[in-house]
C-alpha atoms as a PDB file:
ATOM      1  CA  MET A   1     151.642  74.923  97.906  1.00  0.00           C
ATOM      2  CA  ASN A   2     153.055  71.812  99.472  1.00  0.00           C
ATOM      3  CA  LYS A   3     156.169  72.252 101.775  1.00  0.00           C
ATOM      4  CA  THR A   4     158.049  69.508  99.995  1.00  0.00           C
ATOM      5  CA  VAL A   5     157.407  71.007  96.416  1.00  0.00           C
ATOM      6  CA  PHE A   6     158.305  74.494  97.700  1.00  0.00           C
ATOM      7  CA  GLY A   7     161.582  73.084  99.205  1.00  0.00           C
ATOM      8  CA  ILE A   8     162.582  71.256  95.994  1.00  0.00           C
ATOM      9  CA  LEU A   9     161.820  74.288  93.857  1.00  0.00           C
ATOM     10  CA  THR A  10     163.826  76.400  96.167  1.00  0.00           C
ATOM     11  CA  LEU A  11     166.695  73.994  96.164  1.00  0.00           C
ATOM     12  CA  ILE A  12     166.920  73.889  92.418  1.00  0.00           C
ATOM     13  CA  PHE A  13     165.616  77.339  91.297  1.00  0.00           C
ATOM     14  CA  ASN A  14     166.570  79.903  94.085  1.00  0.00           C
ATOM     15  CA  ASN A  15     169.187  81.381  91.749  1.00  0.00           C
ATOM     16  CA  ILE A  16     166.523  82.533  89.296  1.00  0.00           C
ATOM     17  CA  GLY A  17     164.114  83.854  91.895  1.00  0.00           C
ATOM     18  CA  VAL A  18     161.425  81.115  91.855  1.00  0.00           C
ATOM     19  CA  PRO A  19     160.704  81.371  95.653  1.00  0.00           C
ATOM     20  CA  CYS A  20     160.074  85.119  95.137  1.00  0.00           C
ATOM     21  CA  PHE A  21     157.617  84.289  92.270  1.00  0.00           C
ATOM     22  CA  LEU A  22     155.840  81.680  94.426  1.00  0.00           C
ATOM     23  CA  GLN A  23     155.319  84.067  97.192  1.00  0.00           C
ATOM     24  CA  GLY A  24     154.060  86.919  94.979  1.00  0.00           C
ATOM     25  CA  ASN A  25     157.189  88.988  95.168  1.00  0.00           C
ATOM     26  CA  VAL A  26     157.582  89.479  91.264  1.00  0.00           C
ATOM     27  CA  LYS A  27     159.776  92.482  91.617  1.00  0.00           C
ATOM     28  CA  GLY A  28     162.266  90.475  93.806  1.00  0.00           C
ATOM     29  CA  GLY A  29     162.125  87.576  91.389  1.00  0.00           C
ATOM     30  CA  ILE A  30     162.832  89.725  88.308  1.00  0.00           C
ATOM     31  CA  LEU A  31     165.680  91.598  90.138  1.00  0.00           C
ATOM     32  CA  ARG A  32     167.298  88.319  90.874  1.00  0.00           C
ATOM     33  CA  ILE A  33     167.236  87.322  87.197  1.00  0.00           C
ATOM     34  CA  VAL A  34     168.600  90.671  86.092  1.00  0.00           C
ATOM     35  CA  LEU A  35     171.306  90.696  88.627  1.00  0.00           C
ATOM     36  CA  ASN A  36     172.205  87.124  87.626  1.00  0.00           C
ATOM     37  CA  PHE A  37     172.748  88.187  84.022  1.00  0.00           C
ATOM     38  CA  VAL A  38     174.501  91.495  84.887  1.00  0.00           C
ATOM     39  CA  THR A  39     177.015  89.948  87.155  1.00  0.00           C
ATOM     40  CA  CYS A  40     177.656  87.037  84.779  1.00  0.00           C
ATOM     41  CA  GLY A  41     176.326  84.359  87.193  1.00  0.00           C
ATOM     42  CA  ILE A  42     178.144  85.461  90.348  1.00  0.00           C
ATOM     43  CA  ILE A  43     174.923  86.513  92.100  1.00  0.00           C
ATOM     44  CA  GLY A  44     173.315  83.480  90.790  1.00  0.00           C
ATOM     45  CA  PHE A  45     175.955  81.129  92.433  1.00  0.00           C
ATOM     46  CA  ILE A  46     175.501  82.919  95.750  1.00  0.00           C
ATOM     47  CA  ASN A  47     171.737  82.606  95.538  1.00  0.00           C
ATOM     48  CA  PHE A  48     172.159  78.930  94.623  1.00  0.00           C
ATOM     49  CA  ILE A  49     174.175  78.310  97.751  1.00  0.00           C
ATOM     50  CA  MET A  50     171.653  80.308  99.854  1.00  0.00           C
ATOM     51  CA  GLY A  51     168.890  78.200  98.215  1.00  0.00           C
ATOM     52  CA  ILE A  52     170.519  75.041  99.444  1.00  0.00           C
ATOM     53  CA  ILE A  53     170.531  76.497 103.032  1.00  0.00           C
ATOM     54  CA  LEU A  54     166.873  77.678 102.741  1.00  0.00           C
ATOM     55  CA  ALA A  55     165.786  74.290 101.406  1.00  0.00           C
ATOM     56  CA  ILE A  56     167.385  72.609 104.384  1.00  0.00           C
ATOM     57  CA  GLU A  57     165.535  74.890 106.748  1.00  0.00           C
ATOM     58  CA  ILE A  58     162.345  74.350 104.970  1.00  0.00           C
ATOM     59  CA  PHE A  59     162.574  70.522 105.087  1.00  0.00           C
ATOM     60  CA  ASN A  60     163.240  70.811 108.905  1.00  0.00           C
ATOM     61  CA  MET A  61     160.238  73.035 109.509  1.00  0.00           C
ATOM     62  CA  THR A  62     156.853  71.688 110.742  1.00  0.00           C
ATOM     63  CA  ASP A  63     153.945  72.281 108.432  1.00  0.00           C
ATOM     64  CA  GLU A  64     152.512  74.928 110.834  1.00  0.00           C
ATOM     65  CA  GLU A  65     155.885  76.857 110.834  1.00  0.00           C
ATOM     66  CA  PHE A  66     156.086  76.590 106.980  1.00  0.00           C
ATOM     67  CA  GLU A  67     152.574  78.069 106.495  1.00  0.00           C
ATOM     68  CA  GLU A  68     153.209  80.968 109.033  1.00  0.00           C
ATOM     69  CA  LYS A  69     156.526  81.855 107.294  1.00  0.00           C
ATOM     70  CA  LYS A  70     154.947  81.533 103.827  1.00  0.00           C
ATOM     71  CA  ALA A  71     152.075  83.751 104.845  1.00  0.00           C
ATOM     72  CA  ALA A  72     154.578  86.386 106.160  1.00  0.00           C
ATOM     73  CA  GLY A  73     156.605  86.101 103.000  1.00  0.00           C
ATOM     74  CA  ALA A  74     159.680  85.089 104.974  1.00  0.00           C
ATOM     75  CA  LEU A  75     160.771  82.142 102.792  1.00  0.00           C
ATOM     76  CA  THR A  76     163.308  83.872 100.606  1.00  0.00           C
ATOM     77  CA  LYS A  77     167.043  84.077 101.069  1.00  0.00           C
ATOM     78  CA  GLY A  78     169.543  85.506  98.684  1.00  0.00           C
ATOM     79  CA  ILE A  79     170.523  88.637  96.809  1.00  0.00           C
ATOM     80  CA  PRO A  80     168.023  90.583  96.854  1.00  0.00           C
ATOM     81  CA  ALA A  81     166.138  88.801  99.519  1.00  0.00           C
END
């Protein structure tokens, strides 16, 4: 997946776990969705803010750094990360 597309999806949809799903961490993505509903959006708001921070980090990475972190599964921030 392209770095720009991943960054935009992270910026918009980190609160519902899209970065987790894109990296193959289905359990983490589902857990984010469930916690978002259980806490009435509080965890979702926190994850949205963390998604903004992560998107800025992604946009500032080189393509090589992005591919390394993506392969390692280290491109998720939030509750649960």
